[in-house]
Amino acid sequence: MPAKGKHRRPKHHPVTRKLALAGTGSAALALPLISATTAGAAEVHAAPVVVKAAPAVVKVAPAVEKAAPAAVKVLPMTYSVVSGDSLSKIAAEHSVGGGWQKLYEANRSSVGADPSIIRPGLKLSLTAAAPAAQTAPAAQAAQAAQAAQPAAVKASAGYADNLDGWIRESLDVMAQHGIPGSYEGIHRNILRESSGNPRAINNWDSNAAAGIPSKGLLQVIDPTFRAYHVPGTAMDSYDPVANITAACNYAAARYGSIDNVNGAY
């Protein structure tokens, strides 16, 4: 009836209700979307960090340093002999080509007949003796090998540690340096001078009185031993091989060969 119906709650149209719900639903559903959109709008897009790659390290091969040419050693004009000097020592220290023999030859008139005796204060001409050729590293290595050769020969040849072995080793060293002499000549002089005792020493003659006694197998005084010492042997005048080779070197310079020595020399 119309009167009763006047106070009824009006029914919402189902379509309208659904639209409201749909609207509510859309709002509910839109919230996350709006939130996401808002968050996206608020998001600070930091400028991309540009990571600069470290520049590639280019390894440059170090420049090959050219060795400066070794200075050519210039010999002084003269040398004044001091106590303890020998022609061999002076020739070695001043790189005299041809060694003490060349130095002696150039100064024979000043030195005298015996190259093993030079007095302090004596002026020696070094320019008269040709300077030794500049020693290159390869030449130095060759010299070192040559100096070590006697020891190598001794090890390989197995020289006996007795008079026979000492003479044979000395002959091999002498052959390397062009020093003349024979087994018989060396053996004969050793038996006369020391009876084969490498520690023999003469403490009673004029050399001993002068403070330079004769030593070793071939009784060599220290000045003579230093002057005629052969490279590659020990610097000890009591060393059998060093003593023999130095004595034979001296005998070769003074007498032509140890074979020509038949008495005190």
C-alpha atoms as a PDB file:
ATOM      1  CA  MET A   1       0.000   0.000   0.000  1.00  0.00           C
ATOM      2  CA  PRO A   2       1.084   3.508  -0.681  1.00  0.00           C
ATOM      3  CA  ALA A   3       0.976   4.717   2.905  1.00  0.00           C
ATOM      4  CA  LYS A   4       2.954   1.838   4.289  1.00  0.00           C
ATOM      5  CA  GLY A   5       5.421   2.010   1.569  1.00  0.00           C
ATOM      6  CA  LYS A   6       6.209   5.645   2.290  1.00  0.00           C
ATOM      7  CA  HIS A   7       8.421   4.799   5.290  1.00  0.00           C
ATOM      8  CA  ARG A   8      10.321   1.875   3.720  1.00  0.00           C
ATOM      9  CA  ARG A   9      14.098   2.212   3.315  1.00  0.00           C
ATOM     10  CA  PRO A  10      14.650   2.732  -0.278  1.00  0.00           C
ATOM     11  CA  LYS A  11      16.402  -0.147  -1.848  1.00  0.00           C
ATOM     12  CA  HIS A  12      19.528   0.651  -3.618  1.00  0.00           C
ATOM     13  CA  HIS A  13      19.595  -0.346  -7.127  1.00  0.00           C
ATOM     14  CA  PRO A  14      21.586  -3.465  -7.396  1.00  0.00           C
ATOM     15  CA  VAL A  15      23.546  -2.021 -10.194  1.00  0.00           C
ATOM     16  CA  THR A  16      24.336   1.053  -8.154  1.00  0.00           C
ATOM     17  CA  ARG A  17      25.417  -1.076  -5.181  1.00  0.00           C
ATOM     18  CA  LYS A  18      27.591  -3.145  -7.349  1.00  0.00           C
ATOM     19  CA  LEU A  19      29.103  -0.012  -8.777  1.00  0.00           C
ATOM     20  CA  ALA A  20      29.796   1.280  -5.303  1.00  0.00           C
ATOM     21  CA  LEU A  21      31.325  -1.988  -4.299  1.00  0.00           C
ATOM     22  CA  ALA A  22      33.161  -2.019  -7.477  1.00  0.00           C
ATOM     23  CA  GLY A  23      34.224   1.510  -6.789  1.00  0.00           C
ATOM     24  CA  THR A  24      35.258   0.554  -3.292  1.00  0.00           C
ATOM     25  CA  GLY A  25      36.978  -2.400  -4.666  1.00  0.00           C
ATOM     26  CA  SER A  26      38.639  -0.271  -7.255  1.00  0.00           C
ATOM     27  CA  ALA A  27      39.743   2.087  -4.566  1.00  0.00           C
ATOM     28  CA  ALA A  28      41.052  -0.803  -2.532  1.00  0.00           C
ATOM     29  CA  LEU A  29      42.661  -2.278  -5.510  1.00  0.00           C
ATOM     30  CA  ALA A  30      43.949   1.090  -6.610  1.00  0.00           C
ATOM     31  CA  LEU A  31      45.631   1.789  -3.331  1.00  0.00           C
ATOM     32  CA  PRO A  32      48.566  -0.466  -3.953  1.00  0.00           C
ATOM     33  CA  LEU A  33      48.708   0.818  -7.473  1.00  0.00           C
ATOM     34  CA  ILE A  34      48.602   4.423  -6.279  1.00  0.00           C
ATOM     35  CA  SER A  35      51.103   3.576  -3.584  1.00  0.00           C
ATOM     36  CA  ALA A  36      53.397   2.014  -6.110  1.00  0.00           C
ATOM     37  CA  THR A  37      52.933   4.984  -8.385  1.00  0.00           C
ATOM     38  CA  THR A  38      53.598   7.394  -5.554  1.00  0.00           C
ATOM     39  CA  ALA A  39      56.634   5.462  -4.475  1.00  0.00           C
ATOM     40  CA  GLY A  40      57.796   5.445  -8.002  1.00  0.00           C
ATOM     41  CA  ALA A  41      57.267   9.175  -8.229  1.00  0.00           C
ATOM     42  CA  ALA A  42      59.139   9.730  -4.974  1.00  0.00           C
ATOM     43  CA  GLU A  43      61.975   7.453  -5.880  1.00  0.00           C
ATOM     44  CA  VAL A  44      65.165   9.389  -6.434  1.00  0.00           C
ATOM     45  CA  HIS A  45      66.819   8.100  -9.457  1.00  0.00           C
ATOM     46  CA  ALA A  46      70.468   8.570  -8.574  1.00  0.00           C
ATOM     47  CA  ALA A  47      72.637   9.426 -11.459  1.00  0.00           C
ATOM     48  CA  PRO A  48      74.262   6.238 -12.575  1.00  0.00           C
ATOM     49  CA  VAL A  49      77.659   5.951 -11.017  1.00  0.00           C
ATOM     50  CA  VAL A  50      80.121   5.855 -13.804  1.00  0.00           C
ATOM     51  CA  VAL A  51      82.863   3.556 -12.745  1.00  0.00           C
ATOM     52  CA  LYS A  52      85.851   4.605 -14.619  1.00  0.00           C
ATOM     53  CA  ALA A  53      87.872   1.613 -15.498  1.00  0.00           C
ATOM     54  CA  ALA A  54      91.397   1.960 -14.341  1.00  0.00           C
ATOM     55  CA  PRO A  55      93.517   2.733 -17.321  1.00  0.00           C
ATOM     56  CA  ALA A  56      95.171  -0.368 -18.571  1.00  0.00           C
ATOM     57  CA  VAL A  57      98.662  -0.539 -17.279  1.00  0.00           C
ATOM     58  CA  VAL A  58     100.850  -0.758 -20.273  1.00  0.00           C
ATOM     59  CA  LYS A  59     104.036  -2.401 -19.286  1.00  0.00           C
ATOM     60  CA  VAL A  60     106.767  -0.715 -21.099  1.00  0.00           C
ATOM     61  CA  ALA A  61     109.850  -2.785 -21.393  1.00  0.00           C
ATOM     62  CA  PRO A  62     112.615  -0.978 -19.610  1.00  0.00           C
ATOM     63  CA  ALA A  63     114.916   0.689 -21.988  1.00  0.00           C
ATOM     64  CA  VAL A  64     117.989  -1.363 -22.537  1.00  0.00           C
ATOM     65  CA  GLU A  65     120.691   0.630 -20.972  1.00  0.00           C
ATOM     66  CA  LYS A  66     123.660   0.722 -23.186  1.00  0.00           C
ATOM     67  CA  ALA A  67     126.769   0.149 -21.234  1.00  0.00           C
ATOM     68  CA  ALA A  68     129.069   3.039 -21.554  1.00  0.00           C
ATOM     69  CA  PRO A  69     132.222   1.997 -23.271  1.00  0.00           C
ATOM     70  CA  ALA A  70     134.863   1.227 -20.730  1.00  0.00           C
ATOM     71  CA  ALA A  71     137.395   3.934 -20.484  1.00  0.00           C
ATOM     72  CA  VAL A  72     140.661   3.011 -22.055  1.00  0.00           C
ATOM     73  CA  LYS A  73     143.255   2.754 -19.375  1.00  0.00           C
ATOM     74  CA  VAL A  74     146.060   5.162 -20.018  1.00  0.00           C
ATOM     75  CA  LEU A  75     149.409   4.219 -18.596  1.00  0.00           C
ATOM     76  CA  PRO A  76     151.384   6.829 -16.730  1.00  0.00           C
ATOM     77  CA  MET A  77     154.693   7.778 -18.297  1.00  0.00           C
ATOM     78  CA  THR A  78     156.838   6.354 -15.514  1.00  0.00           C
ATOM     79  CA  TYR A  79     156.489   4.420 -12.291  1.00  0.00           C
ATOM     80  CA  SER A  80     158.637   4.813  -9.193  1.00  0.00           C
ATOM     81  CA  VAL A  81     159.405   1.496  -7.525  1.00  0.00           C
ATOM     82  CA  VAL A  82     158.453   1.160  -3.866  1.00  0.00           C
ATOM     83  CA  SER A  83     159.418  -1.439  -1.287  1.00  0.00           C
ATOM     84  CA  GLY A  84     157.764  -4.787  -1.929  1.00  0.00           C
ATOM     85  CA  ASP A  85     157.348  -4.194  -5.659  1.00  0.00           C
ATOM     86  CA  SER A  86     158.264  -6.678  -8.360  1.00  0.00           C
ATOM     87  CA  LEU A  87     158.136  -6.399 -12.131  1.00  0.00           C
ATOM     88  CA  SER A  88     155.315  -8.928 -12.177  1.00  0.00           C
ATOM     89  CA  LYS A  89     153.263  -6.923  -9.664  1.00  0.00           C
ATOM     90  CA  ILE A  90     153.858  -3.623 -11.462  1.00  0.00           C
ATOM     91  CA  ALA A  91     153.003  -5.120 -14.863  1.00  0.00           C
ATOM     92  CA  ALA A  92     149.758  -6.566 -13.486  1.00  0.00           C
ATOM     93  CA  GLU A  93     148.698  -3.372 -11.696  1.00  0.00           C
ATOM     94  CA  HIS A  94     149.320  -1.213 -14.784  1.00  0.00           C
ATOM     95  CA  SER A  95     148.027  -3.697 -17.382  1.00  0.00           C
ATOM     96  CA  VAL A  96     151.306  -3.874 -19.226  1.00  0.00           C
ATOM     97  CA  GLY A  97     150.940  -5.933 -22.372  1.00  0.00           C
ATOM     98  CA  GLY A  98     153.408  -8.790 -22.432  1.00  0.00           C
ATOM     99  CA  GLY A  99     153.603  -8.839 -18.633  1.00  0.00           C
ATOM    100  CA  TRP A 100     156.753  -8.413 -16.625  1.00  0.00           C
ATOM    101  CA  GLN A 101     158.881  -9.717 -19.518  1.00  0.00           C
ATOM    102  CA  LYS A 102     157.877  -6.780 -21.697  1.00  0.00           C
ATOM    103  CA  LEU A 103     158.335  -4.376 -18.790  1.00  0.00           C
ATOM    104  CA  TYR A 104     161.789  -5.796 -18.110  1.00  0.00           C
ATOM    105  CA  GLU A 105     162.733  -5.651 -21.772  1.00  0.00           C
ATOM    106  CA  ALA A 106     161.743  -1.988 -21.909  1.00  0.00           C
ATOM    107  CA  ASN A 107     163.739  -1.162 -18.757  1.00  0.00           C
ATOM    108  CA  ARG A 108     166.618  -3.634 -18.920  1.00  0.00           C
ATOM    109  CA  SER A 109     169.258  -0.903 -18.890  1.00  0.00           C
ATOM    110  CA  SER A 110     167.829   0.498 -15.645  1.00  0.00           C
ATOM    111  CA  VAL A 111     167.000  -2.776 -13.907  1.00  0.00           C
ATOM    112  CA  GLY A 112     170.196  -4.630 -14.734  1.00  0.00           C
ATOM    113  CA  ALA A 113     170.870  -8.288 -15.448  1.00  0.00           C
ATOM    114  CA  ASP A 114     168.576  -9.695 -12.734  1.00  0.00           C
ATOM    115  CA  PRO A 115     164.901  -8.759 -13.211  1.00  0.00           C
ATOM    116  CA  SER A 116     164.023 -10.147  -9.788  1.00  0.00           C
ATOM    117  CA  ILE A 117     165.926  -7.347  -8.086  1.00  0.00           C
ATOM    118  CA  ILE A 118     164.535  -3.825  -8.391  1.00  0.00           C
ATOM    119  CA  ARG A 119     165.421  -1.173  -5.871  1.00  0.00           C
ATOM    120  CA  PRO A 120     162.961   1.325  -4.355  1.00  0.00           C
ATOM    121  CA  GLY A 121     163.082   4.671  -6.130  1.00  0.00           C
ATOM    122  CA  LEU A 122     163.975   3.179  -9.505  1.00  0.00           C
ATOM    123  CA  LYS A 123     162.066   4.893 -12.314  1.00  0.00           C
ATOM    124  CA  LEU A 124     160.518   2.485 -14.803  1.00  0.00           C
ATOM    125  CA  SER A 125     159.157   3.529 -18.171  1.00  0.00           C
ATOM    126  CA  LEU A 126     155.653   2.172 -18.627  1.00  0.00           C
ATOM    127  CA  THR A 127     154.946   3.789 -21.986  1.00  0.00           C
ATOM    128  CA  ALA A 128     157.803   1.870 -23.580  1.00  0.00           C
ATOM    129  CA  ALA A 129     155.869  -1.319 -22.850  1.00  0.00           C
ATOM    130  CA  ALA A 130     152.740  -1.726 -24.944  1.00  0.00           C
ATOM    131  CA  PRO A 131     149.533  -1.514 -22.864  1.00  0.00           C
ATOM    132  CA  ALA A 132     147.495  -4.638 -22.571  1.00  0.00           C
ATOM    133  CA  ALA A 133     144.402  -4.827 -24.740  1.00  0.00           C
ATOM    134  CA  GLN A 134     141.244  -3.728 -23.007  1.00  0.00           C
ATOM    135  CA  THR A 135     139.758  -6.650 -21.165  1.00  0.00           C
ATOM    136  CA  ALA A 136     136.174  -7.335 -22.141  1.00  0.00           C
ATOM    137  CA  PRO A 137     133.865  -9.421 -19.943  1.00  0.00           C
ATOM    138  CA  ALA A 138     134.300 -12.390 -22.272  1.00  0.00           C
ATOM    139  CA  ALA A 139     138.059 -12.036 -22.090  1.00  0.00           C
ATOM    140  CA  GLN A 140     137.855 -11.786 -18.310  1.00  0.00           C
ATOM    141  CA  ALA A 141     135.870 -14.996 -18.240  1.00  0.00           C
ATOM    142  CA  ALA A 142     138.452 -16.630 -20.469  1.00  0.00           C
ATOM    143  CA  GLN A 143     141.229 -15.451 -18.189  1.00  0.00           C
ATOM    144  CA  ALA A 144     139.396 -16.772 -15.143  1.00  0.00           C
ATOM    145  CA  ALA A 145     138.917 -20.098 -16.890  1.00  0.00           C
ATOM    146  CA  GLN A 146     142.575 -20.177 -17.783  1.00  0.00           C
ATOM    147  CA  ALA A 147     143.566 -19.358 -14.218  1.00  0.00           C
ATOM    148  CA  ALA A 148     141.380 -22.197 -12.974  1.00  0.00           C
ATOM    149  CA  GLN A 149     142.642 -24.589 -15.631  1.00  0.00           C
ATOM    150  CA  PRO A 150     145.577 -26.005 -13.663  1.00  0.00           C
ATOM    151  CA  ALA A 151     143.234 -27.022 -10.857  1.00  0.00           C
ATOM    152  CA  ALA A 152     140.854 -28.574 -13.383  1.00  0.00           C
ATOM    153  CA  VAL A 153     143.724 -30.401 -15.053  1.00  0.00           C
ATOM    154  CA  LYS A 154     144.892 -31.617 -11.680  1.00  0.00           C
ATOM    155  CA  ALA A 155     141.474 -33.010 -10.834  1.00  0.00           C
ATOM    156  CA  SER A 156     140.997 -34.710 -14.190  1.00  0.00           C
ATOM    157  CA  ALA A 157     144.542 -35.975 -14.653  1.00  0.00           C
ATOM    158  CA  GLY A 158     144.828 -37.134 -11.050  1.00  0.00           C
ATOM    159  CA  TYR A 159     148.346 -35.894 -10.318  1.00  0.00           C
ATOM    160  CA  ALA A 160     149.941 -37.708  -7.430  1.00  0.00           C
ATOM    161  CA  ASP A 161     150.689 -35.608  -4.365  1.00  0.00           C
ATOM    162  CA  ASN A 162     154.398 -36.332  -4.523  1.00  0.00           C
ATOM    163  CA  LEU A 163     157.482 -35.103  -6.362  1.00  0.00           C
ATOM    164  CA  ASP A 164     156.547 -36.903  -9.569  1.00  0.00           C
ATOM    165  CA  GLY A 165     153.020 -35.452  -9.539  1.00  0.00           C
ATOM    166  CA  TRP A 166     154.252 -31.927  -8.746  1.00  0.00           C
ATOM    167  CA  ILE A 167     156.726 -31.976 -11.631  1.00  0.00           C
ATOM    168  CA  ARG A 168     154.160 -33.324 -14.089  1.00  0.00           C
ATOM    169  CA  GLU A 169     151.566 -30.768 -13.062  1.00  0.00           C
ATOM    170  CA  SER A 170     154.154 -27.989 -13.314  1.00  0.00           C
ATOM    171  CA  LEU A 171     155.107 -29.123 -16.813  1.00  0.00           C
ATOM    172  CA  ASP A 172     151.456 -28.877 -17.890  1.00  0.00           C
ATOM    173  CA  VAL A 173     151.154 -25.360 -16.452  1.00  0.00           C
ATOM    174  CA  MET A 174     154.453 -24.381 -18.086  1.00  0.00           C
ATOM    175  CA  ALA A 175     153.213 -25.673 -21.440  1.00  0.00           C
ATOM    176  CA  GLN A 176     150.144 -23.440 -21.150  1.00  0.00           C
ATOM    177  CA  HIS A 177     152.390 -20.395 -20.683  1.00  0.00           C
ATOM    178  CA  GLY A 178     155.141 -21.313 -23.134  1.00  0.00           C
ATOM    179  CA  ILE A 179     157.788 -21.873 -20.461  1.00  0.00           C
ATOM    180  CA  PRO A 180     160.478 -24.341 -21.585  1.00  0.00           C
ATOM    181  CA  GLY A 181     161.780 -27.175 -19.412  1.00  0.00           C
ATOM    182  CA  SER A 182     161.881 -30.940 -19.180  1.00  0.00           C
ATOM    183  CA  TYR A 183     161.049 -33.449 -16.491  1.00  0.00           C
ATOM    184  CA  GLU A 184     164.699 -34.462 -16.222  1.00  0.00           C
ATOM    185  CA  GLY A 185     165.948 -30.879 -15.957  1.00  0.00           C
ATOM    186  CA  ILE A 186     163.444 -30.022 -13.206  1.00  0.00           C
ATOM    187  CA  HIS A 187     163.984 -33.270 -11.300  1.00  0.00           C
ATOM    188  CA  ARG A 188     167.788 -32.943 -11.385  1.00  0.00           C
ATOM    189  CA  ASN A 189     167.735 -29.387 -10.029  1.00  0.00           C
ATOM    190  CA  ILE A 190     165.172 -30.190  -7.333  1.00  0.00           C
ATOM    191  CA  LEU A 191     167.291 -33.025  -5.960  1.00  0.00           C
ATOM    192  CA  ARG A 192     170.322 -30.733  -5.821  1.00  0.00           C
ATOM    193  CA  GLU A 193     168.491 -27.757  -4.291  1.00  0.00           C
ATOM    194  CA  SER A 194     166.127 -29.352  -1.759  1.00  0.00           C
ATOM    195  CA  SER A 195     166.322 -33.160  -2.015  1.00  0.00           C
ATOM    196  CA  GLY A 196     162.622 -33.052  -2.884  1.00  0.00           C
ATOM    197  CA  ASN A 197     161.480 -31.316   0.335  1.00  0.00           C
ATOM    198  CA  PRO A 198     158.889 -28.618  -0.516  1.00  0.00           C
ATOM    199  CA  ARG A 199     159.385 -27.001   2.927  1.00  0.00           C
ATOM    200  CA  ALA A 200     163.149 -26.681   2.594  1.00  0.00           C
ATOM    201  CA  ILE A 201     164.597 -23.273   3.506  1.00  0.00           C
ATOM    202  CA  ASN A 202     168.136 -21.910   3.419  1.00  0.00           C
ATOM    203  CA  ASN A 203     168.851 -19.911   6.570  1.00  0.00           C
ATOM    204  CA  TRP A 204     172.605 -19.508   6.243  1.00  0.00           C
ATOM    205  CA  ASP A 205     173.596 -17.949   2.878  1.00  0.00           C
ATOM    206  CA  SER A 206     173.774 -14.303   1.810  1.00  0.00           C
ATOM    207  CA  ASN A 207     170.119 -14.235   0.850  1.00  0.00           C
ATOM    208  CA  ALA A 208     169.166 -15.414   4.327  1.00  0.00           C
ATOM    209  CA  ALA A 209     171.426 -12.764   5.837  1.00  0.00           C
ATOM    210  CA  ALA A 210     169.570 -10.178   3.728  1.00  0.00           C
ATOM    211  CA  GLY A 211     166.251 -11.429   5.105  1.00  0.00           C
ATOM    212  CA  ILE A 212     165.110 -13.171   1.919  1.00  0.00           C
ATOM    213  CA  PRO A 213     165.997 -16.852   2.376  1.00  0.00           C
ATOM    214  CA  SER A 214     165.660 -19.335  -0.463  1.00  0.00           C
ATOM    215  CA  LYS A 215     162.577 -21.551  -0.112  1.00  0.00           C
ATOM    216  CA  GLY A 216     160.900 -24.619  -1.523  1.00  0.00           C
ATOM    217  CA  LEU A 217     161.755 -27.334  -3.992  1.00  0.00           C
ATOM    218  CA  LEU A 218     163.910 -25.132  -6.229  1.00  0.00           C
ATOM    219  CA  GLN A 219     165.038 -22.712  -3.498  1.00  0.00           C
ATOM    220  CA  VAL A 220     163.532 -19.456  -4.769  1.00  0.00           C
ATOM    221  CA  ILE A 221     163.752 -16.196  -2.817  1.00  0.00           C
ATOM    222  CA  ASP A 222     160.496 -14.293  -2.348  1.00  0.00           C
ATOM    223  CA  PRO A 223     161.318 -11.356  -4.689  1.00  0.00           C
ATOM    224  CA  THR A 224     162.141 -13.786  -7.503  1.00  0.00           C
ATOM    225  CA  PHE A 225     159.036 -15.836  -6.774  1.00  0.00           C
ATOM    226  CA  ARG A 226     156.807 -12.743  -6.977  1.00  0.00           C
ATOM    227  CA  ALA A 227     158.514 -11.474 -10.128  1.00  0.00           C
ATOM    228  CA  TYR A 228     158.205 -14.795 -11.963  1.00  0.00           C
ATOM    229  CA  HIS A 229     155.026 -16.153 -10.423  1.00  0.00           C
ATOM    230  CA  VAL A 230     152.917 -17.940 -13.042  1.00  0.00           C
ATOM    231  CA  PRO A 231     149.164 -17.129 -13.113  1.00  0.00           C
ATOM    232  CA  GLY A 232     146.980 -20.037 -12.108  1.00  0.00           C
ATOM    233  CA  THR A 233     149.330 -21.255  -9.398  1.00  0.00           C
ATOM    234  CA  ALA A 234     149.321 -20.461  -5.691  1.00  0.00           C
ATOM    235  CA  MET A 235     150.891 -17.265  -4.364  1.00  0.00           C
ATOM    236  CA  ASP A 236     152.805 -19.344  -1.814  1.00  0.00           C
ATOM    237  CA  SER A 237     156.466 -19.953  -2.534  1.00  0.00           C
ATOM    238  CA  TYR A 238     156.292 -23.184  -0.519  1.00  0.00           C
ATOM    239  CA  ASP A 239     153.579 -24.567  -2.799  1.00  0.00           C
ATOM    240  CA  PRO A 240     155.371 -27.259  -4.861  1.00  0.00           C
ATOM    241  CA  VAL A 241     153.781 -26.492  -8.232  1.00  0.00           C
ATOM    242  CA  ALA A 242     153.952 -22.713  -7.777  1.00  0.00           C
ATOM    243  CA  ASN A 243     157.604 -22.957  -6.707  1.00  0.00           C
ATOM    244  CA  ILE A 244     158.626 -25.134  -9.654  1.00  0.00           C
ATOM    245  CA  THR A 245     156.834 -23.042 -12.288  1.00  0.00           C
ATOM    246  CA  ALA A 246     158.139 -19.735 -10.915  1.00  0.00           C
ATOM    247  CA  ALA A 247     161.705 -21.101 -10.783  1.00  0.00           C
ATOM    248  CA  CYS A 248     161.440 -22.483 -14.320  1.00  0.00           C
ATOM    249  CA  ASN A 249     160.037 -19.146 -15.518  1.00  0.00           C
ATOM    250  CA  TYR A 250     163.005 -17.361 -13.962  1.00  0.00           C
ATOM    251  CA  ALA A 251     165.480 -19.895 -15.368  1.00  0.00           C
ATOM    252  CA  ALA A 252     163.947 -19.495 -18.832  1.00  0.00           C
ATOM    253  CA  ALA A 253     164.367 -15.708 -18.660  1.00  0.00           C
ATOM    254  CA  ARG A 254     167.953 -15.886 -17.437  1.00  0.00           C
ATOM    255  CA  TYR A 255     169.363 -19.130 -18.841  1.00  0.00           C
ATOM    256  CA  GLY A 256     166.966 -20.087 -21.620  1.00  0.00           C
ATOM    257  CA  SER A 257     165.577 -23.072 -19.711  1.00  0.00           C
ATOM    258  CA  ILE A 258     165.806 -24.903 -16.403  1.00  0.00           C
ATOM    259  CA  ASP A 259     167.513 -27.620 -18.434  1.00  0.00           C
ATOM    260  CA  ASN A 260     170.533 -25.319 -18.791  1.00  0.00           C
ATOM    261  CA  VAL A 261     170.906 -24.930 -15.029  1.00  0.00           C
ATOM    262  CA  ASN A 262     173.456 -27.283 -13.495  1.00  0.00           C
ATOM    263  CA  GLY A 263     174.385 -25.465 -10.325  1.00  0.00           C
ATOM    264  CA  ALA A 264     173.397 -22.620  -8.072  1.00  0.00           C
ATOM    265  CA  TYR A 265     171.360 -20.118 -10.027  1.00  0.00           C
END
